[in-house]
């Protein structure tokens, strides 16, 4: 018997403009797989980021609070007394999963709380931010981890119990 609670997949394409995605304004062939996924779920076509950079935006998205309320931009991490979406869903019986290659969406900021399973590619953990910014990005040799993150989600999904909540925070658009 199917679960009365829906499965939830939250896909974040960090630094991607809405007019570059098929379901929110680009041509139909720009992101066809994402358009197919959106046609079976919900596509938020009028959402606006709470900030110009990842940390406060991620904290707002995963807590429902504004930057003024969560104060994450000042503290650089989420206060332990503020529940995350993953924590609330896990308490409601959801199995939870997170895959990201963005350092701001990890234990560093407190955004790992509530996830039963977390994936963060080892090569990204070892890579110093200055090396990425000063060497790899300018040379255009930064390798995308998105395919690895999606693959780890697919492997996790084969064994996941319903209902489940999964966060895929893809950072690939930051790099050429």
N, C-alpha and C. Protein backbone atom coordinates (compact mmCIF):
# COMPACT_ATOMS: atom_id res chain seq x y z
N UNK A 1 0.84 -1.18 0.00
CA UNK A 1 0.00 0.00 0.00
C UNK A 1 0.89 1.25 0.00
N UNK A 2 0.62 2.21 -0.90
CA UNK A 2 1.43 3.41 -0.96
C UNK A 2 1.30 4.24 0.32
N UNK A 3 2.35 4.96 0.62
CA UNK A 3 2.37 5.82 1.79
C UNK A 3 1.39 6.98 1.59
N UNK A 4 0.66 7.39 2.65
CA UNK A 4 -0.23 8.55 2.51
C UNK A 4 0.55 9.86 2.40
N UNK A 5 1.83 9.84 2.80
CA UNK A 5 2.66 11.04 2.69
C UNK A 5 3.45 10.97 1.39
N UNK A 6 3.54 12.09 0.66
CA UNK A 6 4.27 12.06 -0.61
C UNK A 6 5.78 12.01 -0.41
N UNK A 7 6.47 11.38 -1.34
CA UNK A 7 7.93 11.49 -1.37
C UNK A 7 8.26 12.90 -1.83
N UNK A 8 9.38 13.43 -1.34
CA UNK A 8 9.77 14.80 -1.67
C UNK A 8 11.21 14.80 -2.17
N UNK A 9 11.41 15.28 -3.38
CA UNK A 9 12.74 15.47 -3.94
C UNK A 9 12.92 16.96 -4.17
N UNK A 10 13.88 17.56 -3.47
CA UNK A 10 14.20 18.97 -3.62
C UNK A 10 15.51 19.07 -4.38
N UNK A 11 15.43 19.60 -5.60
CA UNK A 11 16.61 19.76 -6.45
C UNK A 11 16.95 21.24 -6.48
N UNK A 12 18.17 21.57 -6.05
CA UNK A 12 18.64 22.95 -6.08
C UNK A 12 19.78 23.02 -7.08
N UNK A 13 19.62 23.87 -8.08
CA UNK A 13 20.67 24.13 -9.06
C UNK A 13 21.31 25.46 -8.68
N UNK A 14 22.30 25.40 -7.83
CA UNK A 14 22.93 26.61 -7.30
C UNK A 14 23.48 27.46 -8.43
N UNK A 15 23.13 28.72 -8.45
CA UNK A 15 23.60 29.72 -9.41
C UNK A 15 23.01 29.57 -10.81
N UNK A 16 21.88 28.90 -10.94
CA UNK A 16 21.22 28.78 -12.24
C UNK A 16 20.03 29.73 -12.28
N UNK A 17 19.98 30.54 -13.32
CA UNK A 17 18.87 31.47 -13.48
C UNK A 17 17.64 30.76 -14.02
N UNK A 18 16.47 31.23 -13.61
CA UNK A 18 15.21 30.62 -14.04
C UNK A 18 15.04 30.63 -15.55
N UNK A 19 15.55 31.65 -16.23
CA UNK A 19 15.38 31.72 -17.68
C UNK A 19 16.33 30.79 -18.42
N UNK A 20 17.08 29.98 -17.70
CA UNK A 20 17.98 28.99 -18.30
C UNK A 20 17.52 27.56 -18.03
N UNK A 21 16.27 27.43 -17.56
CA UNK A 21 15.68 26.13 -17.24
C UNK A 21 14.37 26.00 -18.01
N UNK A 22 14.17 24.87 -18.66
CA UNK A 22 12.99 24.69 -19.52
C UNK A 22 11.66 24.96 -18.83
N UNK A 23 11.47 24.46 -17.63
CA UNK A 23 10.16 24.59 -16.99
C UNK A 23 9.89 26.00 -16.47
N UNK A 24 10.89 26.90 -16.53
CA UNK A 24 10.67 28.26 -16.03
C UNK A 24 11.09 29.34 -17.02
N UNK A 25 11.11 29.03 -18.30
CA UNK A 25 11.32 30.09 -19.26
C UNK A 25 12.25 29.82 -20.42
N UNK A 26 13.19 28.91 -20.29
CA UNK A 26 14.08 28.62 -21.42
C UNK A 26 13.33 27.73 -22.42
N UNK A 27 13.91 27.52 -23.55
CA UNK A 27 13.29 26.66 -24.56
C UNK A 27 13.12 25.23 -24.07
N UNK A 28 12.23 24.48 -24.71
CA UNK A 28 11.91 23.12 -24.24
C UNK A 28 13.08 22.14 -24.28
N UNK A 29 14.07 22.39 -25.10
CA UNK A 29 15.19 21.44 -25.21
C UNK A 29 16.40 21.80 -24.35
N UNK A 30 16.30 22.85 -23.55
CA UNK A 30 17.45 23.29 -22.76
C UNK A 30 17.73 22.32 -21.61
N UNK A 31 16.71 22.00 -20.82
CA UNK A 31 16.86 21.04 -19.71
C UNK A 31 15.71 20.03 -19.76
N UNK A 32 15.69 19.16 -20.77
CA UNK A 32 14.54 18.28 -20.96
C UNK A 32 14.30 17.30 -19.81
N UNK A 33 15.34 16.79 -19.18
CA UNK A 33 15.14 15.84 -18.08
C UNK A 33 14.54 16.53 -16.86
N UNK A 34 15.00 17.73 -16.59
CA UNK A 34 14.44 18.50 -15.49
C UNK A 34 12.99 18.89 -15.79
N UNK A 35 12.70 19.21 -17.03
CA UNK A 35 11.32 19.54 -17.42
C UNK A 35 10.41 18.33 -17.23
N UNK A 36 10.89 17.15 -17.56
CA UNK A 36 10.09 15.94 -17.36
C UNK A 36 9.82 15.70 -15.88
N UNK A 37 10.84 15.90 -15.06
CA UNK A 37 10.68 15.74 -13.61
C UNK A 37 9.67 16.77 -13.08
N UNK A 38 9.79 18.01 -13.51
CA UNK A 38 8.88 19.06 -13.07
C UNK A 38 7.45 18.80 -13.49
N UNK A 39 7.26 18.16 -14.65
CA UNK A 39 5.89 17.88 -15.13
C UNK A 39 5.17 16.87 -14.25
N UNK A 40 5.93 16.09 -13.49
CA UNK A 40 5.32 15.10 -12.59
C UNK A 40 5.23 15.60 -11.15
N UNK A 41 5.77 16.77 -10.89
CA UNK A 41 5.79 17.30 -9.53
C UNK A 41 5.38 18.76 -9.52
N UNK A 42 6.13 19.53 -8.74
CA UNK A 42 5.85 20.95 -8.59
C UNK A 42 7.09 21.72 -9.02
N UNK A 43 6.89 22.72 -9.85
CA UNK A 43 7.98 23.59 -10.28
C UNK A 43 7.65 24.99 -9.78
N UNK A 44 8.52 25.53 -8.94
CA UNK A 44 8.29 26.87 -8.40
C UNK A 44 8.88 27.89 -9.37
N UNK A 45 8.02 28.48 -10.17
CA UNK A 45 8.49 29.37 -11.23
C UNK A 45 8.61 30.82 -10.78
N UNK A 46 8.14 31.15 -9.59
CA UNK A 46 8.23 32.54 -9.11
C UNK A 46 8.95 32.63 -7.78
N UNK A 47 9.79 31.68 -7.48
CA UNK A 47 10.56 31.70 -6.23
C UNK A 47 11.72 32.68 -6.36
N UNK A 48 12.06 33.31 -5.26
CA UNK A 48 13.17 34.27 -5.23
C UNK A 48 14.11 33.90 -4.10
N UNK A 49 15.38 33.91 -4.38
CA UNK A 49 16.38 33.61 -3.35
C UNK A 49 16.36 34.70 -2.29
N UNK A 50 16.58 34.30 -1.04
CA UNK A 50 16.60 35.23 0.09
C UNK A 50 17.89 36.04 0.18
N UNK A 51 18.89 35.66 -0.57
CA UNK A 51 20.17 36.34 -0.50
C UNK A 51 20.90 36.17 -1.83
N UNK A 52 22.02 36.86 -1.96
CA UNK A 52 22.81 36.76 -3.17
C UNK A 52 23.86 35.66 -3.10
N UNK A 53 23.98 35.00 -1.93
CA UNK A 53 24.96 33.92 -1.84
C UNK A 53 24.38 32.73 -1.11
N UNK A 54 25.08 31.61 -1.21
CA UNK A 54 24.54 30.30 -0.84
C UNK A 54 24.13 30.15 0.62
N UNK A 55 24.99 30.49 1.57
CA UNK A 55 24.69 30.17 2.96
C UNK A 55 23.36 30.73 3.44
N UNK A 56 23.11 32.04 3.39
CA UNK A 56 21.81 32.50 3.88
C UNK A 56 20.63 31.98 3.07
N UNK A 57 20.85 31.80 1.78
CA UNK A 57 19.78 31.24 0.94
C UNK A 57 19.46 29.81 1.36
N UNK A 58 20.49 28.99 1.56
CA UNK A 58 20.29 27.60 1.97
C UNK A 58 19.63 27.52 3.34
N UNK A 59 20.09 28.35 4.27
CA UNK A 59 19.49 28.36 5.61
C UNK A 59 18.02 28.73 5.53
N UNK A 60 17.68 29.70 4.69
CA UNK A 60 16.27 30.10 4.54
C UNK A 60 15.45 28.98 3.90
N UNK A 61 15.98 28.40 2.84
CA UNK A 61 15.26 27.34 2.13
C UNK A 61 14.99 26.14 3.04
N UNK A 62 15.96 25.80 3.88
CA UNK A 62 15.85 24.58 4.68
C UNK A 62 15.34 24.81 6.10
N UNK A 63 14.96 26.07 6.42
CA UNK A 63 14.33 26.34 7.72
C UNK A 63 13.01 27.09 7.58
N UNK A 64 12.81 27.79 6.46
CA UNK A 64 11.61 28.60 6.29
C UNK A 64 11.74 29.97 6.93
N UNK A 65 12.93 30.32 7.42
CA UNK A 65 13.17 31.60 8.06
C UNK A 65 13.90 32.55 7.12
N UNK A 66 13.69 33.84 7.32
CA UNK A 66 14.43 34.83 6.55
C UNK A 66 15.84 34.97 7.13
N UNK A 67 16.78 35.53 6.37
CA UNK A 67 18.12 35.75 6.92
C UNK A 67 18.11 36.57 8.21
N UNK A 68 17.21 37.53 8.31
CA UNK A 68 17.12 38.31 9.55
C UNK A 68 16.73 37.43 10.73
N UNK A 69 15.90 36.42 10.48
CA UNK A 69 15.46 35.53 11.57
C UNK A 69 16.51 34.49 11.94
N UNK A 70 17.14 33.87 10.95
CA UNK A 70 18.10 32.80 11.29
C UNK A 70 19.50 33.31 11.60
N UNK A 71 19.82 34.52 11.19
CA UNK A 71 21.11 35.15 11.50
C UNK A 71 22.32 34.34 11.02
N UNK A 72 22.13 33.50 10.04
CA UNK A 72 23.20 32.63 9.56
C UNK A 72 24.33 33.36 8.87
N UNK A 73 24.04 34.48 8.25
CA UNK A 73 25.09 35.22 7.57
C UNK A 73 26.09 35.78 8.58
N UNK A 74 25.63 36.08 9.76
CA UNK A 74 26.51 36.60 10.81
C UNK A 74 27.26 35.46 11.49
N UNK A 75 26.53 34.43 11.92
CA UNK A 75 27.12 33.32 12.68
C UNK A 75 27.84 32.32 11.79
N UNK A 76 27.50 32.29 10.50
CA UNK A 76 28.07 31.34 9.53
C UNK A 76 27.64 29.90 9.79
N UNK A 77 26.61 29.72 10.64
CA UNK A 77 26.03 28.40 10.85
C UNK A 77 24.67 28.55 11.51
N UNK A 78 23.87 27.53 11.38
CA UNK A 78 22.52 27.54 11.92
C UNK A 78 22.55 27.28 13.42
N UNK A 79 21.79 28.05 14.15
CA UNK A 79 21.67 27.86 15.59
C UNK A 79 21.09 26.47 15.86
N UNK A 80 21.60 25.76 16.87
CA UNK A 80 21.10 24.40 17.17
C UNK A 80 19.63 24.36 17.55
N UNK A 81 19.07 25.47 17.99
CA UNK A 81 17.67 25.47 18.41
C UNK A 81 16.69 25.72 17.25
N UNK A 82 17.22 25.94 16.05
CA UNK A 82 16.36 26.14 14.87
C UNK A 82 16.25 24.82 14.13
N UNK A 83 15.04 24.25 14.03
CA UNK A 83 14.90 22.97 13.32
C UNK A 83 15.02 23.14 11.81
N UNK A 84 15.54 22.12 11.18
CA UNK A 84 15.64 22.11 9.72
C UNK A 84 14.47 21.33 9.14
N UNK A 85 14.24 21.53 7.86
CA UNK A 85 13.20 20.78 7.15
C UNK A 85 13.44 19.28 7.28
N UNK A 86 14.69 18.86 7.12
CA UNK A 86 15.01 17.43 7.22
C UNK A 86 14.70 16.88 8.61
N UNK A 87 15.00 17.65 9.66
CA UNK A 87 14.70 17.19 11.02
C UNK A 87 13.20 17.03 11.22
N UNK A 88 12.43 18.01 10.75
CA UNK A 88 10.97 17.95 10.91
C UNK A 88 10.37 16.78 10.13
N UNK A 89 10.87 16.58 8.90
CA UNK A 89 10.34 15.47 8.10
C UNK A 89 10.76 14.12 8.69
N UNK A 90 11.96 14.01 9.20
CA UNK A 90 12.39 12.75 9.83
C UNK A 90 11.51 12.46 11.04
N UNK A 91 11.22 13.48 11.84
CA UNK A 91 10.32 13.30 12.98
C UNK A 91 8.93 12.86 12.54
N UNK A 92 8.52 13.24 11.33
CA UNK A 92 7.21 12.87 10.79
C UNK A 92 7.23 11.51 10.11
N UNK A 93 8.36 10.80 10.18
CA UNK A 93 8.44 9.45 9.63
C UNK A 93 9.11 9.32 8.29
N UNK A 94 9.69 10.38 7.79
CA UNK A 94 10.38 10.33 6.50
C UNK A 94 11.80 9.78 6.66
N UNK A 95 12.23 9.01 5.68
CA UNK A 95 13.64 8.67 5.55
C UNK A 95 14.28 9.81 4.77
N UNK A 96 15.48 10.25 5.19
CA UNK A 96 16.04 11.47 4.61
C UNK A 96 17.43 11.23 4.01
N UNK A 97 17.69 11.97 2.93
CA UNK A 97 18.95 11.83 2.19
C UNK A 97 19.38 13.21 1.67
N UNK A 98 20.68 13.46 1.70
CA UNK A 98 21.23 14.70 1.17
C UNK A 98 22.47 14.39 0.34
N UNK A 99 22.58 15.03 -0.80
CA UNK A 99 23.79 14.95 -1.63
C UNK A 99 24.12 16.35 -2.09
N UNK A 100 25.34 16.79 -1.80
CA UNK A 100 25.77 18.13 -2.15
C UNK A 100 27.26 18.15 -2.41
N UNK A 101 27.70 19.11 -3.18
CA UNK A 101 29.13 19.37 -3.31
C UNK A 101 29.40 20.84 -3.00
N UNK A 102 28.53 21.43 -2.19
CA UNK A 102 28.69 22.80 -1.75
C UNK A 102 29.00 22.78 -0.26
N UNK A 103 30.16 23.30 0.12
CA UNK A 103 30.59 23.28 1.53
C UNK A 103 29.62 23.99 2.46
N UNK A 104 28.84 24.93 1.96
CA UNK A 104 27.90 25.65 2.82
C UNK A 104 26.66 24.83 3.15
N UNK A 105 26.45 23.72 2.47
CA UNK A 105 25.25 22.91 2.69
C UNK A 105 25.68 21.59 3.33
N UNK A 106 26.48 21.67 4.37
CA UNK A 106 27.05 20.50 5.05
C UNK A 106 27.07 20.74 6.55
N UNK A 107 27.80 19.90 7.26
CA UNK A 107 27.96 20.03 8.71
C UNK A 107 28.59 21.37 9.08
N UNK A 108 29.37 21.92 8.19
CA UNK A 108 30.03 23.22 8.42
C UNK A 108 29.03 24.29 8.84
N UNK A 109 27.83 24.23 8.27
CA UNK A 109 26.81 25.24 8.55
C UNK A 109 25.67 24.71 9.42
N UNK A 110 25.70 23.43 9.75
CA UNK A 110 24.61 22.84 10.50
C UNK A 110 23.49 22.30 9.63
N UNK A 111 23.67 22.38 8.32
CA UNK A 111 22.61 21.93 7.42
C UNK A 111 22.65 20.43 7.14
N UNK A 112 23.50 19.71 7.84
CA UNK A 112 23.49 18.24 7.74
C UNK A 112 22.48 17.64 8.72
N UNK A 113 21.98 18.44 9.64
CA UNK A 113 21.07 17.93 10.67
C UNK A 113 19.78 17.39 10.06
N UNK A 114 19.38 16.23 10.52
CA UNK A 114 18.13 15.64 10.08
C UNK A 114 18.24 14.68 8.91
N UNK A 115 19.42 14.58 8.33
CA UNK A 115 19.58 13.66 7.20
C UNK A 115 20.14 12.33 7.69
N UNK A 116 19.43 11.25 7.39
CA UNK A 116 19.88 9.90 7.74
C UNK A 116 21.13 9.53 6.95
N UNK A 117 21.15 9.90 5.68
CA UNK A 117 22.27 9.61 4.79
C UNK A 117 22.72 10.90 4.13
N UNK A 118 24.04 11.08 4.08
CA UNK A 118 24.60 12.28 3.46
C UNK A 118 25.72 11.87 2.52
N UNK A 119 25.80 12.56 1.38
CA UNK A 119 26.88 12.32 0.42
C UNK A 119 27.55 13.64 0.10
N UNK A 120 28.86 13.63 0.18
CA UNK A 120 29.68 14.78 -0.17
C UNK A 120 30.94 14.21 -0.78
N UNK A 121 31.15 14.38 -2.09
CA UNK A 121 32.27 13.71 -2.76
C UNK A 121 33.62 13.99 -2.08
N UNK A 122 34.42 12.94 -1.83
CA UNK A 122 35.69 13.10 -1.13
C UNK A 122 36.64 14.10 -1.80
N UNK A 123 36.65 14.15 -3.13
CA UNK A 123 37.57 15.08 -3.78
C UNK A 123 37.20 16.51 -3.45
N UNK A 124 35.94 16.80 -3.20
CA UNK A 124 35.53 18.16 -2.86
C UNK A 124 35.92 18.49 -1.42
N UNK A 125 35.89 17.51 -0.53
CA UNK A 125 36.30 17.75 0.86
C UNK A 125 37.76 18.12 0.94
N UNK A 126 38.59 17.49 0.11
CA UNK A 126 40.03 17.73 0.18
C UNK A 126 40.48 18.98 -0.54
N UNK A 127 39.68 19.46 -1.48
CA UNK A 127 40.10 20.56 -2.32
C UNK A 127 39.99 21.89 -1.58
N UNK A 128 41.06 22.61 -1.47
CA UNK A 128 41.04 23.91 -0.81
C UNK A 128 40.29 24.92 -1.66
N UNK A 129 39.53 25.78 -1.02
CA UNK A 129 38.74 26.78 -1.74
C UNK A 129 39.62 27.68 -2.59
N UNK A 130 40.78 28.05 -2.10
CA UNK A 130 41.65 28.93 -2.88
C UNK A 130 42.15 28.24 -4.15
N UNK A 131 42.36 26.94 -4.08
CA UNK A 131 42.81 26.21 -5.26
C UNK A 131 41.70 26.20 -6.31
N UNK A 132 40.48 25.98 -5.86
CA UNK A 132 39.35 25.99 -6.78
C UNK A 132 39.21 27.36 -7.43
N UNK A 133 39.19 28.40 -6.60
CA UNK A 133 38.95 29.75 -7.10
C UNK A 133 40.10 30.30 -7.95
N UNK A 134 41.33 29.99 -7.56
CA UNK A 134 42.47 30.63 -8.21
C UNK A 134 43.14 29.81 -9.31
N UNK A 135 42.89 28.51 -9.32
CA UNK A 135 43.56 27.66 -10.31
C UNK A 135 42.55 26.93 -11.20
N UNK A 136 41.71 26.11 -10.59
CA UNK A 136 40.84 25.23 -11.38
C UNK A 136 39.76 25.99 -12.15
N UNK A 137 39.05 26.90 -11.51
CA UNK A 137 37.98 27.62 -12.20
C UNK A 137 38.51 28.46 -13.37
N UNK A 138 39.54 29.29 -13.16
CA UNK A 138 40.05 30.08 -14.29
C UNK A 138 40.53 29.23 -15.46
N UNK A 139 41.05 28.05 -15.17
CA UNK A 139 41.53 27.19 -16.24
C UNK A 139 40.42 26.37 -16.88
N UNK A 140 39.24 26.38 -16.26
CA UNK A 140 38.12 25.63 -16.81
C UNK A 140 38.25 24.14 -16.66
N UNK A 141 39.01 23.67 -15.66
CA UNK A 141 39.22 22.23 -15.49
C UNK A 141 38.50 21.69 -14.26
N UNK A 142 37.62 22.47 -13.67
CA UNK A 142 36.86 22.00 -12.52
C UNK A 142 35.91 20.92 -12.98
N UNK A 143 36.01 19.73 -12.42
CA UNK A 143 35.17 18.61 -12.83
C UNK A 143 33.85 18.62 -12.07
N UNK A 144 32.78 18.40 -12.76
CA UNK A 144 31.46 18.38 -12.15
C UNK A 144 31.28 17.16 -11.27
N UNK A 145 30.65 17.37 -10.12
CA UNK A 145 30.34 16.26 -9.23
C UNK A 145 28.86 15.90 -9.31
N UNK A 146 28.10 16.66 -10.09
CA UNK A 146 26.66 16.43 -10.17
C UNK A 146 26.29 15.02 -10.55
N UNK A 147 27.00 14.44 -11.52
CA UNK A 147 26.67 13.07 -11.93
C UNK A 147 26.91 12.09 -10.79
N UNK A 148 27.93 12.32 -9.98
CA UNK A 148 28.20 11.45 -8.84
C UNK A 148 27.11 11.59 -7.77
N UNK A 149 26.67 12.80 -7.55
CA UNK A 149 25.64 13.03 -6.55
C UNK A 149 24.32 12.40 -6.97
N UNK A 150 23.95 12.57 -8.23
CA UNK A 150 22.71 11.96 -8.73
C UNK A 150 22.83 10.44 -8.68
N UNK A 151 24.00 9.91 -9.02
CA UNK A 151 24.21 8.46 -8.93
C UNK A 151 24.08 7.94 -7.51
N UNK A 152 24.60 8.69 -6.54
CA UNK A 152 24.48 8.25 -5.14
C UNK A 152 23.02 8.31 -4.69
N UNK A 153 22.27 9.30 -5.17
CA UNK A 153 20.84 9.36 -4.86
C UNK A 153 20.11 8.15 -5.46
N UNK A 154 20.41 7.83 -6.70
CA UNK A 154 19.76 6.67 -7.33
C UNK A 154 20.04 5.38 -6.56
N UNK A 155 21.29 5.20 -6.12
CA UNK A 155 21.64 4.00 -5.33
C UNK A 155 20.90 3.99 -4.01
N UNK A 156 20.83 5.14 -3.34
CA UNK A 156 20.11 5.23 -2.07
C UNK A 156 18.63 4.94 -2.26
N UNK A 157 18.06 5.45 -3.34
CA UNK A 157 16.63 5.32 -3.60
C UNK A 157 16.20 3.86 -3.76
N UNK A 158 17.09 3.02 -4.28
CA UNK A 158 16.75 1.60 -4.45
C UNK A 158 16.38 0.92 -3.14
N UNK A 159 16.91 1.44 -2.03
CA UNK A 159 16.69 0.80 -0.72
C UNK A 159 15.90 1.68 0.24
N UNK A 160 15.45 2.83 -0.22
CA UNK A 160 14.76 3.77 0.65
C UNK A 160 13.33 3.31 0.93
N UNK A 161 12.93 3.53 2.15
CA UNK A 161 11.54 3.29 2.53
C UNK A 161 10.74 4.56 2.28
N UNK A 162 9.47 4.39 2.00
CA UNK A 162 8.60 5.54 1.80
C UNK A 162 7.93 5.89 3.11
N UNK A 163 7.63 7.14 3.35
CA UNK A 163 7.95 8.29 2.52
C UNK A 163 9.41 8.70 2.71
N UNK A 164 9.95 9.38 1.71
CA UNK A 164 11.33 9.85 1.79
C UNK A 164 11.42 11.31 1.37
N UNK A 165 12.45 11.97 1.89
CA UNK A 165 12.79 13.33 1.50
C UNK A 165 14.26 13.32 1.08
N UNK A 166 14.53 13.81 -0.12
CA UNK A 166 15.91 13.86 -0.61
C UNK A 166 16.22 15.26 -1.10
N UNK A 167 17.41 15.72 -0.75
CA UNK A 167 17.92 17.01 -1.20
C UNK A 167 19.10 16.77 -2.11
N UNK A 168 19.01 17.26 -3.35
CA UNK A 168 20.15 17.25 -4.27
C UNK A 168 20.53 18.70 -4.49
N UNK A 169 21.66 19.09 -3.91
CA UNK A 169 22.13 20.48 -4.05
C UNK A 169 23.29 20.45 -5.02
N UNK A 170 23.04 20.79 -6.26
CA UNK A 170 24.03 20.68 -7.33
C UNK A 170 24.70 22.03 -7.56
N UNK A 171 26.00 22.02 -7.46
CA UNK A 171 26.80 23.24 -7.50
C UNK A 171 27.53 23.42 -8.83
N UNK A 172 27.23 22.58 -9.80
CA UNK A 172 27.99 22.54 -11.05
C UNK A 172 27.98 23.86 -11.82
N UNK A 173 26.93 24.64 -11.72
CA UNK A 173 26.84 25.86 -12.50
C UNK A 173 27.83 26.94 -12.05
N UNK A 174 28.42 26.77 -10.90
CA UNK A 174 29.43 27.71 -10.45
C UNK A 174 30.69 27.65 -11.31
N UNK A 175 30.85 26.55 -12.01
CA UNK A 175 32.10 26.29 -12.73
C UNK A 175 31.87 26.31 -14.23
N UNK A 176 32.87 26.74 -14.99
CA UNK A 176 32.69 26.80 -16.45
C UNK A 176 32.49 25.42 -17.07
